[in-house]
Amino acid sequence: NLQEANTMVDKIVRYHTPQNSNNTTGANADNSWRNQLVFIADDKDQNLHLNDAESIAATAIAANPAAHARKIYLDAFPLVSGAGGARYPSVSEAIVNQVLAGALIVNYSGHGNHLRLSEEAVISAAEVNRFNNPNKLPLFITASCDFDPFDQPSKPSIARNLLYGSNNGAIALLTTTRLVFAYSNRIMNQNYLQLAMEPLSTAGSGKLYRSLGQATMDAKNRSNQFNGDPLNSRKFALLGDPAMQLAFPELPMRITQITDQSTGTFINLSDSLLALRKYTLTGQVSQLNGSIQSNFNGIANVQIYDQAQTVFTLGNSPESQRTAYSTENSILFNGKATVTNGMFTIEFIVPKDIGFGPSKATIRLFAQASNNGAGSSASAQSAAGALPIRIAGSTGAIIRDTTGPQIKLYLNDAAFKNGGITSENPILIA
């Protein structure tokens, strides 16, 4: 109807008009959610859905290393029994909090129907109604049975609440309309994320990534060609604007130099950083051809994630045996820097509490412009990049850090000002 159409148009316009970052006080709009992916995996079935999610997440990050994967696997959380059956309240809370914080894509693998996702209803109408994320709308991918049989309007579906909600929900859904099967779901899901996340090899049109419709079409064609199960992929439907592109950062970022402040020497980017050492990092926002974007001015977020750690599920049922999976949740440094004429510099100290192992840590970069970049868009540009780097134990003299962090508190949003009005249940942001 007309109201739903107007709601969708308003959401799409708002989605492509990100808030600018105009200052370094921490009260600037934080659009780094555009680098965040969320993977949710159902329990039971001998960890089938967890293993699928691990494979799908690895494919997405390989296609776009600047993105970060947050994993919410049901069997890694406590299972609570109640009058309504078994539930995962902490999973539902983690999902709601992550949607409020923002994510580019929320990907679910497991059982479900038009009323809920998972037998334990980790996402139901109650959770959807709590999604107050008008400026951080994700693409929802649900590799689950008949989440939205849209050709049966008499059959209520929470997918429609996600799609048509004005201040909550999703910018679009890649979902299913009928009964589907896990093996073929994984192939379709994996193909879609690989094609949607990887930049196009040619940028003559100025578009770095496939549109939602093009990615869906290419994923279906690839799945049909190599899987041999064309019926399953036909049950996946894109609900949203097929010509729209996801809010990927438009420009690349790279680290140009890291300096050890104790010695004044430049660190080869293929060498290791040392714990308890203080470094100066210099980087730039680049054009697509690699040269500096000299008219980019704004704020850069610099995060250093420790190497991925191996954690274990809880084994809540005989069908969910305790199993290991990798997660990258330990942040060694998180700071902001001013980007001036495409360049930024930031200082950081590598903490002592690091993971020891053969893998690499990752420095992830995100920047939001306060201007219009090259002037080709009505909205401010953004940029992202990543650098894998080794971090080793400390050697030599140790620099004592006696200055505590500067912490600022906000309610609901980083743009909150002291004395402002909030809802009954505000979220404290530090």
Protein backbone atom coordinates (compact mmCIF):
# COMPACT_ATOMS: atom_id res chain seq x y z
CA ASN A 1 0.00 0.00 0.00
CA LEU A 2 0.96 3.67 -0.24
CA GLN A 3 2.04 3.98 3.38
CA GLU A 4 4.39 1.00 3.12
CA ALA A 5 5.81 2.37 -0.15
CA ASN A 6 6.46 5.77 1.41
CA THR A 7 8.10 4.12 4.42
CA MET A 8 10.46 2.16 2.17
CA VAL A 9 11.38 5.23 0.12
CA ASP A 10 12.09 7.23 3.28
CA LYS A 11 14.26 4.40 4.65
CA ILE A 12 16.28 4.15 1.44
CA VAL A 13 16.86 7.91 1.29
CA ARG A 14 17.91 7.96 4.96
CA TYR A 15 20.14 4.91 4.44
CA HIS A 16 22.14 6.69 1.75
CA THR A 17 22.42 9.93 3.69
CA PRO A 18 24.83 9.04 6.52
CA GLN A 19 25.37 11.52 9.30
CA ASN A 20 28.55 13.58 8.95
CA SER A 21 31.48 13.51 11.32
CA ASN A 22 32.35 17.12 12.05
CA ASN A 23 34.42 17.00 15.22
CA THR A 24 36.81 14.93 17.32
CA THR A 25 34.99 15.23 20.64
CA GLY A 26 33.42 11.79 20.40
CA ALA A 27 29.97 13.27 19.87
CA ASN A 28 30.26 12.86 16.10
CA ALA A 29 28.01 10.44 14.25
CA ASP A 30 29.61 6.98 14.28
CA ASN A 31 29.08 5.21 10.97
CA SER A 32 31.64 2.45 11.53
CA TRP A 33 28.73 -0.01 11.71
CA ARG A 34 29.10 -0.11 7.94
CA ASN A 35 32.12 -2.35 8.53
CA GLN A 36 30.30 -4.78 10.87
CA LEU A 37 28.89 -8.20 9.93
CA VAL A 38 26.85 -10.36 12.32
CA PHE A 39 26.56 -14.14 12.00
CA ILE A 40 23.93 -16.00 14.04
CA ALA A 41 23.91 -19.81 14.11
CA ASP A 42 21.22 -22.13 15.46
CA ASP A 43 22.06 -24.98 17.82
CA LYS A 44 21.54 -28.78 17.57
CA ASP A 45 21.71 -30.84 14.33
CA GLN A 46 25.23 -31.91 15.34
CA ASN A 47 26.43 -28.30 14.99
CA LEU A 48 25.46 -28.20 11.31
CA HIS A 49 24.37 -24.55 11.40
CA LEU A 50 27.41 -23.45 13.41
CA ASN A 51 29.74 -25.08 10.89
CA ASP A 52 27.81 -23.44 8.05
CA ALA A 53 28.09 -20.05 9.73
CA GLU A 54 31.84 -20.51 10.21
CA SER A 55 32.28 -21.27 6.53
CA ILE A 56 30.05 -18.39 5.43
CA ALA A 57 31.78 -15.89 7.74
CA ALA A 58 35.22 -16.94 6.49
CA THR A 59 34.06 -16.44 2.89
CA ALA A 60 32.71 -12.95 3.63
CA ILE A 61 35.88 -11.78 5.39
CA ALA A 62 38.09 -13.23 2.66
CA ALA A 63 36.08 -11.23 0.11
CA ASN A 64 36.32 -8.02 2.14
CA PRO A 65 39.07 -8.10 4.83
CA ALA A 66 38.18 -4.62 6.12
CA ALA A 67 34.93 -6.01 7.56
CA HIS A 68 34.67 -7.49 11.05
CA ALA A 69 32.59 -10.56 11.90
CA ARG A 70 30.64 -10.70 15.17
CA LYS A 71 29.56 -14.27 15.89
CA ILE A 72 26.47 -15.03 17.98
CA TYR A 73 26.18 -18.81 18.15
CA LEU A 74 23.30 -20.09 20.26
CA ASP A 75 25.14 -23.00 21.86
CA ALA A 76 27.84 -20.63 23.14
CA PHE A 77 25.24 -19.06 25.48
CA PRO A 78 23.37 -20.51 28.49
CA LEU A 79 20.12 -22.32 27.71
CA VAL A 80 17.29 -21.44 30.10
CA SER A 81 14.19 -23.59 30.61
CA GLY A 82 10.84 -21.98 31.36
CA ALA A 83 7.10 -22.39 31.04
CA GLY A 84 7.26 -21.49 27.36
CA GLY A 85 10.05 -23.98 26.67
CA ALA A 86 13.79 -23.61 26.31
CA ARG A 87 15.05 -20.10 25.57
CA TYR A 88 18.31 -18.23 25.00
CA PRO A 89 17.58 -14.82 26.58
CA SER A 90 21.21 -13.73 26.41
CA VAL A 91 21.28 -14.49 22.68
CA SER A 92 18.19 -12.37 22.06
CA GLU A 93 19.76 -9.58 24.11
CA ALA A 94 23.04 -9.82 22.18
CA ILE A 95 21.19 -9.63 18.87
CA VAL A 96 19.11 -6.62 19.92
CA ASN A 97 22.18 -4.80 21.25
CA GLN A 98 24.14 -5.48 18.07
CA VAL A 99 21.31 -4.24 15.85
CA LEU A 100 21.07 -1.09 17.96
CA ALA A 101 24.84 -0.60 17.69
CA GLY A 102 24.60 -1.15 13.94
CA ALA A 103 25.57 -3.76 11.38
CA LEU A 104 25.84 -3.80 7.61
CA ILE A 105 24.56 -7.39 7.37
CA VAL A 106 22.84 -9.69 9.88
CA ASN A 107 23.09 -13.31 8.68
CA TYR A 108 21.10 -16.16 10.27
CA SER A 109 21.67 -19.88 9.63
CA GLY A 110 19.27 -22.38 11.15
CA HIS A 111 15.65 -23.32 11.71
CA GLY A 112 12.78 -20.86 11.68
CA ASN A 113 9.42 -19.91 10.30
CA HIS A 114 7.37 -16.79 9.61
CA LEU A 115 6.92 -16.10 13.34
CA ARG A 116 10.39 -16.64 14.75
CA LEU A 117 13.98 -17.66 14.10
CA SER A 118 15.14 -20.82 15.91
CA GLU A 119 13.05 -23.13 18.04
CA GLU A 120 14.04 -21.00 21.04
CA ALA A 121 12.70 -17.85 19.31
CA VAL A 122 15.88 -15.80 19.55
CA ILE A 123 14.27 -13.37 17.11
CA SER A 124 10.51 -12.92 17.36
CA ALA A 125 8.09 -10.00 17.17
CA ALA A 126 9.23 -8.93 20.64
CA GLU A 127 12.85 -8.51 19.51
CA VAL A 128 11.88 -6.80 16.24
CA ASN A 129 9.83 -4.25 18.16
CA ARG A 130 12.94 -3.42 20.22
CA PHE A 131 15.02 -2.65 17.13
CA ASN A 132 15.25 1.15 17.26
CA ASN A 133 17.83 1.60 14.53
CA PRO A 134 16.52 4.17 12.00
CA ASN A 135 20.02 5.24 10.90
CA LYS A 136 21.71 1.83 11.07
CA LEU A 137 19.56 -0.47 8.95
CA PRO A 138 21.14 -3.84 8.09
CA LEU A 139 20.48 -6.27 5.29
CA PHE A 140 18.92 -9.34 6.94
CA ILE A 141 19.83 -12.70 5.39
CA THR A 142 17.83 -15.62 6.76
CA ALA A 143 18.86 -19.07 5.52
CA SER A 144 15.81 -20.57 7.20
CA CYS A 145 12.46 -22.05 6.15
CA ASP A 146 9.61 -19.79 4.89
CA PHE A 147 10.56 -16.68 6.87
CA ASP A 148 8.40 -14.56 4.58
CA PRO A 149 5.87 -16.32 2.31
CA PHE A 150 4.94 -12.93 0.86
CA ASP A 151 2.55 -14.47 -1.68
CA GLN A 152 0.37 -15.52 1.27
CA PRO A 153 -0.63 -12.14 2.73
CA SER A 154 -3.00 -13.78 5.23
CA LYS A 155 0.01 -15.48 6.84
CA PRO A 156 1.59 -12.98 9.28
CA SER A 157 5.37 -12.68 9.14
CA ILE A 158 7.83 -10.77 11.30
CA ALA A 159 9.85 -10.24 8.12
CA ARG A 160 7.27 -7.65 7.10
CA ASN A 161 7.76 -5.85 10.40
CA LEU A 162 11.48 -5.77 9.66
CA LEU A 163 10.94 -4.43 6.17
CA TYR A 164 8.11 -1.96 6.74
CA GLY A 165 9.10 -0.62 10.16
CA SER A 166 9.81 3.10 9.90
CA ASN A 167 12.36 3.42 12.72
CA ASN A 168 13.35 -0.20 13.07
CA GLY A 169 14.24 -3.31 11.16
CA ALA A 170 16.08 -3.79 7.90
CA ILE A 171 16.85 -1.94 4.70
CA ALA A 172 16.17 -5.17 2.77
CA LEU A 173 15.91 -8.94 3.27
CA LEU A 174 17.33 -11.89 1.37
CA THR A 175 15.01 -14.53 2.74
CA THR A 176 13.02 -17.64 1.92
CA THR A 177 9.40 -18.13 0.97
CA ARG A 178 9.07 -21.90 1.34
CA LEU A 179 10.68 -24.95 2.93
CA VAL A 180 14.41 -25.05 2.16
CA PHE A 181 17.33 -27.35 2.96
CA ALA A 182 20.44 -26.58 4.96
CA TYR A 183 23.07 -27.87 2.53
CA SER A 184 21.75 -25.86 -0.41
CA ASN A 185 21.10 -22.87 1.88
CA ARG A 186 24.78 -22.71 2.78
CA ILE A 187 25.82 -22.71 -0.87
CA MET A 188 23.38 -19.94 -1.80
CA ASN A 189 24.26 -17.93 1.33
CA GLN A 190 27.99 -18.33 0.72
CA ASN A 191 27.77 -17.40 -2.95
CA TYR A 192 25.70 -14.34 -2.19
CA LEU A 193 28.07 -12.97 0.46
CA GLN A 194 31.12 -13.62 -1.67
CA LEU A 195 29.62 -11.77 -4.62
CA ALA A 196 28.06 -8.98 -2.54
CA MET A 197 31.15 -8.33 -0.42
CA GLU A 198 33.89 -8.38 -3.05
CA PRO A 199 34.58 -5.13 -4.94
CA LEU A 200 33.97 -5.32 -8.68
CA SER A 201 37.16 -5.67 -10.73
CA THR A 202 36.19 -2.68 -12.89
CA ALA A 203 34.99 0.62 -11.50
CA GLY A 204 34.29 2.41 -14.77
CA SER A 205 30.71 3.08 -13.69
CA GLY A 206 31.93 4.42 -10.36
CA LYS A 207 30.21 1.59 -8.50
CA LEU A 208 32.55 -0.51 -6.42
CA TYR A 209 30.05 -3.21 -5.46
CA ARG A 210 27.17 -5.11 -6.98
CA SER A 211 23.65 -3.90 -6.35
CA LEU A 212 21.37 -6.06 -4.19
CA GLY A 213 19.59 -7.36 -7.27
CA GLN A 214 22.75 -8.09 -9.24
CA ALA A 215 24.33 -9.93 -6.30
CA THR A 216 21.18 -12.02 -5.86
CA MET A 217 20.96 -12.87 -9.55
CA ASP A 218 24.65 -13.80 -9.78
CA ALA A 219 24.46 -15.88 -6.58
CA LYS A 220 21.46 -17.82 -7.86
CA ASN A 221 23.12 -18.46 -11.22
CA ARG A 222 26.32 -19.63 -9.56
CA SER A 223 24.42 -21.85 -7.11
CA ASN A 224 22.37 -23.42 -9.90
CA GLN A 225 25.45 -24.00 -12.02
CA PHE A 226 27.55 -25.77 -9.39
CA ASN A 227 25.07 -27.09 -6.84
CA GLY A 228 22.59 -28.99 -8.96
CA ASP A 229 19.64 -27.91 -6.78
CA PRO A 230 17.97 -25.04 -8.66
CA LEU A 231 14.68 -25.44 -6.81
CA ASN A 232 16.19 -24.42 -3.47
CA SER A 233 17.73 -21.17 -4.71
CA ARG A 234 14.43 -20.21 -6.36
CA LYS A 235 12.86 -20.09 -2.90
CA PHE A 236 15.21 -17.25 -1.91
CA ALA A 237 13.68 -13.84 -2.57
CA LEU A 238 15.14 -10.35 -2.33
CA LEU A 239 12.69 -8.04 -0.57
CA GLY A 240 13.85 -4.48 -1.07
CA ASP A 241 15.16 -2.18 -3.78
CA PRO A 242 17.15 -4.37 -6.24
CA ALA A 243 18.96 -1.34 -7.69
CA MET A 244 20.27 -0.26 -4.29
CA GLN A 245 23.82 -0.82 -3.14
CA LEU A 246 24.72 -1.69 0.42
CA ALA A 247 26.37 1.10 2.41
CA PHE A 248 29.91 -0.15 1.87
CA PRO A 249 32.62 2.45 2.45
CA GLU A 250 33.28 3.95 -0.97
CA LEU A 251 37.03 4.54 -0.69
CA PRO A 252 40.01 2.44 0.42
CA MET A 253 42.29 3.28 3.35
CA ARG A 254 45.82 2.13 3.99
CA ILE A 255 48.58 2.47 6.58
CA THR A 256 51.59 4.23 5.15
CA GLN A 257 53.95 4.17 8.12
CA ILE A 258 54.33 2.89 11.71
CA THR A 259 57.08 4.39 13.89
CA ASP A 260 58.46 2.97 17.14
CA GLN A 261 58.59 6.01 19.44
CA SER A 262 61.22 4.48 21.74
CA THR A 263 63.76 4.13 18.93
CA GLY A 264 62.43 6.45 16.25
CA THR A 265 62.72 3.67 13.68
CA PHE A 266 60.15 2.84 11.02
CA ILE A 267 58.49 -0.55 11.38
CA ASN A 268 58.32 -2.70 8.29
CA LEU A 269 54.63 -3.51 7.88
CA SER A 270 55.56 -7.18 7.47
CA ASP A 271 57.40 -7.17 10.84
CA SER A 272 55.94 -7.47 14.35
CA LEU A 273 54.74 -4.89 16.84
CA LEU A 274 55.91 -5.45 20.42
CA ALA A 275 53.78 -5.40 23.56
CA LEU A 276 54.21 -2.36 25.83
CA ARG A 277 55.78 -0.32 23.03
CA LYS A 278 54.37 3.05 21.93
CA TYR A 279 53.88 3.58 18.22
CA THR A 280 52.82 6.34 15.86
CA LEU A 281 50.63 5.18 13.00
CA THR A 282 50.20 7.24 9.83
CA GLY A 283 47.68 6.43 7.15
CA GLN A 284 45.74 7.83 4.27
CA VAL A 285 42.39 7.73 2.53
CA SER A 286 42.98 6.78 -1.09
CA GLN A 287 41.26 7.10 -4.41
CA LEU A 288 40.39 3.96 -6.35
CA ASN A 289 43.66 4.28 -8.31
CA GLY A 290 45.71 4.31 -5.08
CA SER A 291 46.58 8.01 -4.95
CA ILE A 292 45.62 10.07 -1.91
CA GLN A 293 42.10 11.57 -1.67
CA SER A 294 43.44 15.00 -0.81
CA ASN A 295 40.06 16.68 -0.22
CA PHE A 296 38.87 14.10 2.34
CA ASN A 297 38.46 15.64 5.80
CA GLY A 298 36.73 13.97 8.73
CA ILE A 299 37.24 11.41 11.50
CA ALA A 300 39.07 8.07 11.35
CA ASN A 301 38.37 5.14 13.68
CA VAL A 302 41.42 2.95 14.30
CA GLN A 303 40.88 -0.43 15.95
CA ILE A 304 43.49 -3.09 16.62
CA TYR A 305 41.98 -6.55 17.04
CA ASP A 306 44.11 -9.26 18.62
CA GLN A 307 44.52 -12.46 16.67
CA ALA A 308 41.45 -14.68 16.51
CA GLN A 309 41.02 -16.83 19.61
CA THR A 310 39.63 -20.35 19.81
CA VAL A 311 36.59 -20.60 22.10
CA PHE A 312 34.18 -23.44 22.83
CA THR A 313 30.43 -23.83 22.82
CA LEU A 314 28.68 -25.11 25.95
CA GLY A 315 27.19 -28.32 24.58
CA ASN A 316 23.69 -27.52 25.86
CA SER A 317 22.11 -30.66 24.38
CA PRO A 318 23.20 -34.07 23.04
CA GLU A 319 22.58 -32.72 19.53
CA SER A 320 24.96 -29.82 20.18
CA GLN A 321 28.25 -31.35 21.15
CA ARG A 322 30.83 -29.02 22.62
CA THR A 323 32.88 -27.69 19.74
CA ALA A 324 35.53 -25.06 19.03
CA TYR A 325 35.25 -22.03 16.80
CA SER A 326 37.33 -18.91 16.21
CA THR A 327 36.31 -15.42 17.21
CA GLU A 328 37.96 -12.02 16.92
CA ASN A 329 36.57 -10.03 19.84
CA SER A 330 39.63 -8.85 21.78
CA ILE A 331 40.27 -5.18 20.98
CA LEU A 332 43.80 -4.06 21.91
CA PHE A 333 43.26 -0.43 20.90
CA ASN A 334 40.31 1.70 19.84
CA GLY A 335 40.82 5.37 19.02
CA LYS A 336 39.88 8.26 16.77
CA ALA A 337 42.04 10.56 14.67
CA THR A 338 41.40 13.65 12.58
CA VAL A 339 41.71 13.18 8.84
CA THR A 340 43.08 16.29 7.13
CA ASN A 341 43.49 16.38 3.37
CA GLY A 342 43.31 12.61 3.29
CA MET A 343 46.02 11.99 5.93
CA PHE A 344 45.75 10.99 9.60
CA THR A 345 48.11 10.16 12.47
CA ILE A 346 47.42 8.44 15.79
CA GLU A 347 49.50 7.16 18.71
CA PHE A 348 48.90 3.93 20.57
CA ILE A 349 50.51 1.57 23.06
CA VAL A 350 50.29 -2.17 22.52
CA PRO A 351 49.05 -3.68 25.81
CA LYS A 352 50.76 -6.54 27.62
CA ASP A 353 47.70 -8.80 27.54
CA ILE A 354 47.96 -10.19 24.00
CA GLY A 355 47.29 -13.57 22.48
CA PHE A 356 50.31 -15.72 21.67
CA GLY A 357 50.09 -17.86 18.57
CA PRO A 358 50.95 -18.11 14.90
CA SER A 359 48.10 -15.93 13.64
CA LYS A 360 48.14 -12.19 12.98
CA ALA A 361 46.32 -9.34 14.62
CA THR A 362 44.38 -6.94 12.40
CA ILE A 363 44.42 -3.14 12.29
CA ARG A 364 41.02 -2.02 10.96
CA LEU A 365 40.42 1.48 9.68
CA PHE A 366 37.21 3.38 9.02
CA ALA A 367 36.77 7.07 8.18
CA GLN A 368 33.71 9.25 7.69
CA ALA A 369 34.11 12.52 5.84
CA SER A 370 32.62 15.79 6.99
CA ASN A 371 32.71 17.03 3.40
CA ASN A 372 31.56 15.54 0.10
CA GLY A 373 34.91 14.04 -0.85
CA ALA A 374 35.22 14.28 -4.60
CA GLY A 375 31.92 16.12 -4.75
CA SER A 376 30.12 13.40 -6.72
CA SER A 377 27.59 12.60 -4.03
CA ALA A 378 25.15 14.50 -1.89
CA SER A 379 26.29 12.55 1.16
CA ALA A 380 29.68 12.49 2.82
CA GLN A 381 31.98 9.69 1.69
CA SER A 382 33.43 6.99 3.89
CA ALA A 383 36.52 4.81 3.61
CA ALA A 384 37.81 1.56 5.11
CA GLY A 385 40.84 -0.65 5.12
CA ALA A 386 42.67 -3.34 7.09
CA LEU A 387 46.22 -4.53 7.72
CA PRO A 388 47.10 -7.95 9.18
CA ILE A 389 50.18 -7.62 11.40
CA ARG A 390 51.99 -9.75 13.95
CA ILE A 391 52.21 -8.75 17.61
CA ALA A 392 54.86 -10.31 19.83
CA GLY A 393 55.96 -10.11 23.47
CA SER A 394 57.87 -7.15 24.85
CA THR A 395 61.64 -6.70 24.73
CA GLY A 396 63.92 -3.98 26.06
CA ALA A 397 62.79 -0.91 27.98
CA ILE A 398 59.13 -0.61 28.91
CA ILE A 399 57.30 2.71 28.70
CA ARG A 400 55.13 3.24 31.76
CA ASP A 401 51.70 4.61 30.93
CA THR A 402 50.30 6.52 33.90
CA THR A 403 47.57 8.36 32.00
CA GLY A 404 44.13 6.81 32.15
CA PRO A 405 41.71 6.73 29.21
CA GLN A 406 39.35 9.60 28.49
CA ILE A 407 35.82 8.25 28.81
CA LYS A 408 32.70 10.09 27.70
CA LEU A 409 29.18 8.84 28.36
CA TYR A 410 26.12 9.21 26.14
CA LEU A 411 22.55 7.92 26.12
CA ASN A 412 21.26 6.00 23.07
CA ASP A 413 23.56 7.77 20.59
CA ALA A 414 26.95 9.48 20.49
CA ALA A 415 25.18 12.66 19.38
CA PHE A 416 23.38 12.88 22.78
CA LYS A 417 23.92 16.17 24.59
CA ASN A 418 23.79 16.75 28.34
CA GLY A 419 20.24 17.55 29.42
CA GLY A 420 18.65 15.89 26.40
CA ILE A 421 15.48 13.81 26.49
CA THR A 422 15.62 10.00 26.39
CA SER A 423 13.18 7.11 26.34
CA GLU A 424 12.17 5.10 29.41
CA ASN A 425 14.93 2.54 28.78
CA PRO A 426 17.96 4.39 27.41
CA ILE A 427 21.18 2.65 26.42
CA LEU A 428 24.37 3.86 28.07
CA ILE A 429 27.17 4.32 25.55
CA ALA A 430 30.77 4.83 26.68
